[in-house]
Every structure is written in structure tokens, then in C-alpha cells.
């Protein structure tokens, strides 16, 4: 995608968006790596008791997992445009429970078109085991 480099978001710019959004700030996402050339974004999500499926279970509820996948996919595509994007559609496949672990979301941009962008997101536990996968499409229209 040909956008001026000054419009692209670096790690600090993405983190700033995360920290200024009341909902995203609740997730406490931490940008780990941004690679514009490869179209990848890696973000850490710390476990919090508020995200538990059941009290004292230390098992992540699916809702926060979906929110992480949607947000990280959004900014993987949006980092090329310098902004967050509206979600058109997304899906999540939960592969195994995430229990007593922080998570690493790794997004890969599959398409960054003039009107639609698509990203795949893999969600890993602390041991590097894949716990969920997602794919989302986002509106890239200005």
C-alpha cells in the first residue's frame, strides 16, 4: 500500500491509540513489535481477574480474547494509514483454553486495499501454544 511514511504508525503511535481508548485501555495491551515491511504487529495482553470465565478459574473468557484479536488486527492494517479502522466483520476460532497466562497476539496483514483491509491474528499463551485464531476485515476508506 502506498502511503507516505509520515502517515504510518510506529509502536509508540499505536500504543498511544491503545492508551487513549477507554475500552482498549481496559485490556492493557502492550505493543511489542511493528513491522511495516512484513505487515505484522505483535501485542502482549496481560491476564487480569476481570477477564476470567468463572471466578477464581484463571481461565480467560472468550469476550476479551475476541476484543484483543479485533483490536490487534485493526491496528495491523491501520498502522499503514496512521489510524484505527472500523471493523466490517470478524470471526474467532477458539482452539484451547487460555488459563493463568498472558497472551501474545501476532497479526499479519493479508490485504490492505483502497476500501477493505484483511488481517489474520494468532493468539498464543506464555508457552507459545496457539489458543485462538481470528480473521477480520476493516474499512480503509477515509
Protein backbone atom coordinates (compact mmCIF):
# COMPACT_ATOMS: atom_id res chain seq x y z
CA UNK A 1 0.00 0.00 0.00
CA UNK A 2 1.49 3.32 -0.93
CA UNK A 3 1.04 5.78 1.88
CA UNK A 4 3.55 8.41 2.94
CA UNK A 5 5.80 7.11 5.72
CA UNK A 6 4.83 10.03 7.97
CA UNK A 7 1.25 8.68 8.00
CA UNK A 8 2.30 5.25 9.27
CA UNK A 9 2.01 4.46 12.96
CA UNK A 10 5.08 3.26 14.81
CA UNK A 11 4.96 1.31 18.10
CA UNK A 12 4.60 4.49 20.19
CA UNK A 13 1.79 5.78 17.96
CA UNK A 14 -0.15 2.52 18.21
CA UNK A 15 0.42 2.38 21.97
CA UNK A 16 -0.91 5.93 22.21
CA UNK A 17 -4.14 4.91 20.48
CA UNK A 18 -4.44 1.92 22.84
CA UNK A 19 -3.89 4.05 25.93
CA UNK A 20 -6.33 6.82 24.88
CA UNK A 21 -9.24 4.50 24.10
CA UNK A 22 -11.26 3.81 27.27
CA UNK A 23 -12.19 0.29 26.16
CA UNK A 24 -8.80 -0.71 24.73
CA UNK A 25 -7.06 0.74 27.80
CA UNK A 26 -9.06 -1.76 29.90
CA UNK A 27 -7.29 -4.56 28.01
CA UNK A 28 -3.86 -3.06 28.92
CA UNK A 29 -2.40 -4.04 25.56
CA UNK A 30 1.35 -3.52 25.12
CA UNK A 31 2.85 -3.15 21.64
CA UNK A 32 5.87 -5.47 21.30
CA UNK A 33 6.84 -5.21 17.63
CA UNK A 34 5.77 -3.35 14.50
CA UNK A 35 7.00 -4.37 11.04
CA UNK A 36 5.56 -2.29 8.20
CA UNK A 37 7.53 -4.18 5.54
CA UNK A 38 6.09 -7.56 6.60
CA UNK A 39 2.71 -6.13 7.63
CA UNK A 40 2.93 -7.62 11.11
CA UNK A 41 2.08 -6.37 14.57
CA UNK A 42 2.79 -8.15 17.87
CA UNK A 43 0.98 -7.14 21.04
CA UNK A 44 1.10 -8.54 24.58
CA UNK A 45 -2.12 -8.83 26.61
CA UNK A 46 -1.68 -9.37 30.36
CA UNK A 47 -4.08 -11.64 32.23
CA UNK A 48 -6.46 -9.85 34.61
CA UNK A 49 -9.00 -11.35 37.04
CA UNK A 50 -11.70 -9.20 35.38
CA UNK A 51 -11.29 -11.35 32.25
CA UNK A 52 -11.99 -14.66 34.00
CA UNK A 53 -14.61 -17.01 32.59
CA UNK A 54 -15.51 -18.05 36.13
CA UNK A 55 -14.48 -16.57 39.46
CA UNK A 56 -11.01 -17.74 40.52
CA UNK A 57 -10.69 -20.01 37.47
CA UNK A 58 -7.81 -18.02 35.91
CA UNK A 59 -9.34 -19.02 32.55
CA UNK A 60 -9.79 -16.24 30.00
CA UNK A 61 -13.37 -15.54 28.90
CA UNK A 62 -13.83 -15.58 25.12
CA UNK A 63 -15.03 -11.97 25.02
CA UNK A 64 -11.69 -10.38 25.90
CA UNK A 65 -9.92 -12.81 23.53
CA UNK A 66 -12.19 -11.64 20.69
CA UNK A 67 -11.62 -7.99 21.61
CA UNK A 68 -7.84 -8.49 21.54
CA UNK A 69 -7.99 -10.21 18.16
CA UNK A 70 -10.21 -7.49 16.67
CA UNK A 71 -8.10 -4.64 18.07
CA UNK A 72 -4.72 -6.06 17.04
CA UNK A 73 -5.98 -6.95 13.56
CA UNK A 74 -7.43 -3.45 13.22
CA UNK A 75 -4.15 -1.74 14.05
CA UNK A 76 -2.09 -4.13 11.91
CA UNK A 77 -4.00 -2.82 8.89
CA UNK A 78 -4.43 0.70 10.32
CA UNK A 79 -0.75 1.20 11.14
CA UNK A 80 -0.21 1.75 7.41
CA UNK A 81 -2.83 4.52 7.36
CA UNK A 82 -1.99 6.21 10.65
CA UNK A 83 -5.32 5.47 12.36
CA UNK A 84 -7.67 2.86 13.70
CA UNK A 85 -10.28 1.48 11.33
CA UNK A 86 -13.92 0.42 11.59
CA UNK A 87 -14.44 -3.33 11.64
CA UNK A 88 -16.56 -4.75 8.83
CA UNK A 89 -16.60 -8.36 10.00
CA UNK A 90 -14.53 -10.75 12.07
CA UNK A 91 -14.52 -14.30 13.32
CA UNK A 92 -12.67 -16.18 16.02
CA UNK A 93 -11.89 -19.87 16.40
CA UNK A 94 -11.09 -20.83 19.99
CA UNK A 95 -8.67 -23.75 19.88
CA UNK A 96 -7.98 -24.41 23.57
CA UNK A 97 -8.50 -22.69 26.91
CA UNK A 98 -6.12 -19.90 27.91
CA UNK A 99 -5.53 -20.47 31.63
CA UNK A 100 -3.35 -18.44 34.02
CA UNK A 101 -1.34 -16.88 31.19
CA UNK A 102 -0.60 -13.62 29.47
CA UNK A 103 -1.20 -13.68 25.72
CA UNK A 104 0.73 -12.66 22.62
CA UNK A 105 -1.30 -11.57 19.61
CA UNK A 106 0.50 -11.76 16.28
CA UNK A 107 -1.30 -10.08 13.38
CA UNK A 108 -0.48 -10.48 9.71
CA UNK A 109 -1.98 -8.14 7.12
CA UNK A 110 -3.35 -10.18 4.22
CA UNK A 111 -4.77 -7.30 2.21
CA UNK A 112 -4.53 -3.53 2.51
CA UNK A 113 -6.74 -2.29 -0.31
CA UNK A 114 -8.32 1.07 -1.07
CA UNK A 115 -11.61 0.15 0.58
CA UNK A 116 -11.02 -3.04 2.59
CA UNK A 117 -8.14 -4.47 4.61
CA UNK A 118 -7.90 -8.02 5.98
CA UNK A 119 -5.75 -9.33 8.83
CA UNK A 120 -5.22 -12.74 10.43
CA UNK A 121 -4.39 -12.85 14.12
CA UNK A 122 -2.86 -15.75 16.06
CA UNK A 123 -3.18 -15.69 19.85
CA UNK A 124 -0.53 -17.56 21.86
CA UNK A 125 -0.19 -18.36 25.57
CA UNK A 126 3.04 -17.85 27.59
CA UNK A 127 4.34 -21.23 26.40
CA UNK A 128 3.91 -20.34 22.73
CA UNK A 129 0.87 -22.58 22.31
CA UNK A 130 -1.79 -21.32 19.91
CA UNK A 131 -5.06 -20.74 21.82
CA UNK A 132 -7.18 -18.87 19.26
CA UNK A 133 -7.11 -17.59 15.69
CA UNK A 134 -9.08 -14.84 14.06
CA UNK A 135 -9.60 -13.12 10.73
CA UNK A 136 -11.13 -9.70 10.29
CA UNK A 137 -11.91 -7.21 7.58
CA UNK A 138 -11.75 -3.44 8.11
CA UNK A 139 -12.88 -0.42 6.12
CA UNK A 140 -9.85 1.51 4.85
CA UNK A 141 -11.91 4.32 3.31
CA UNK A 142 -11.00 7.78 4.53
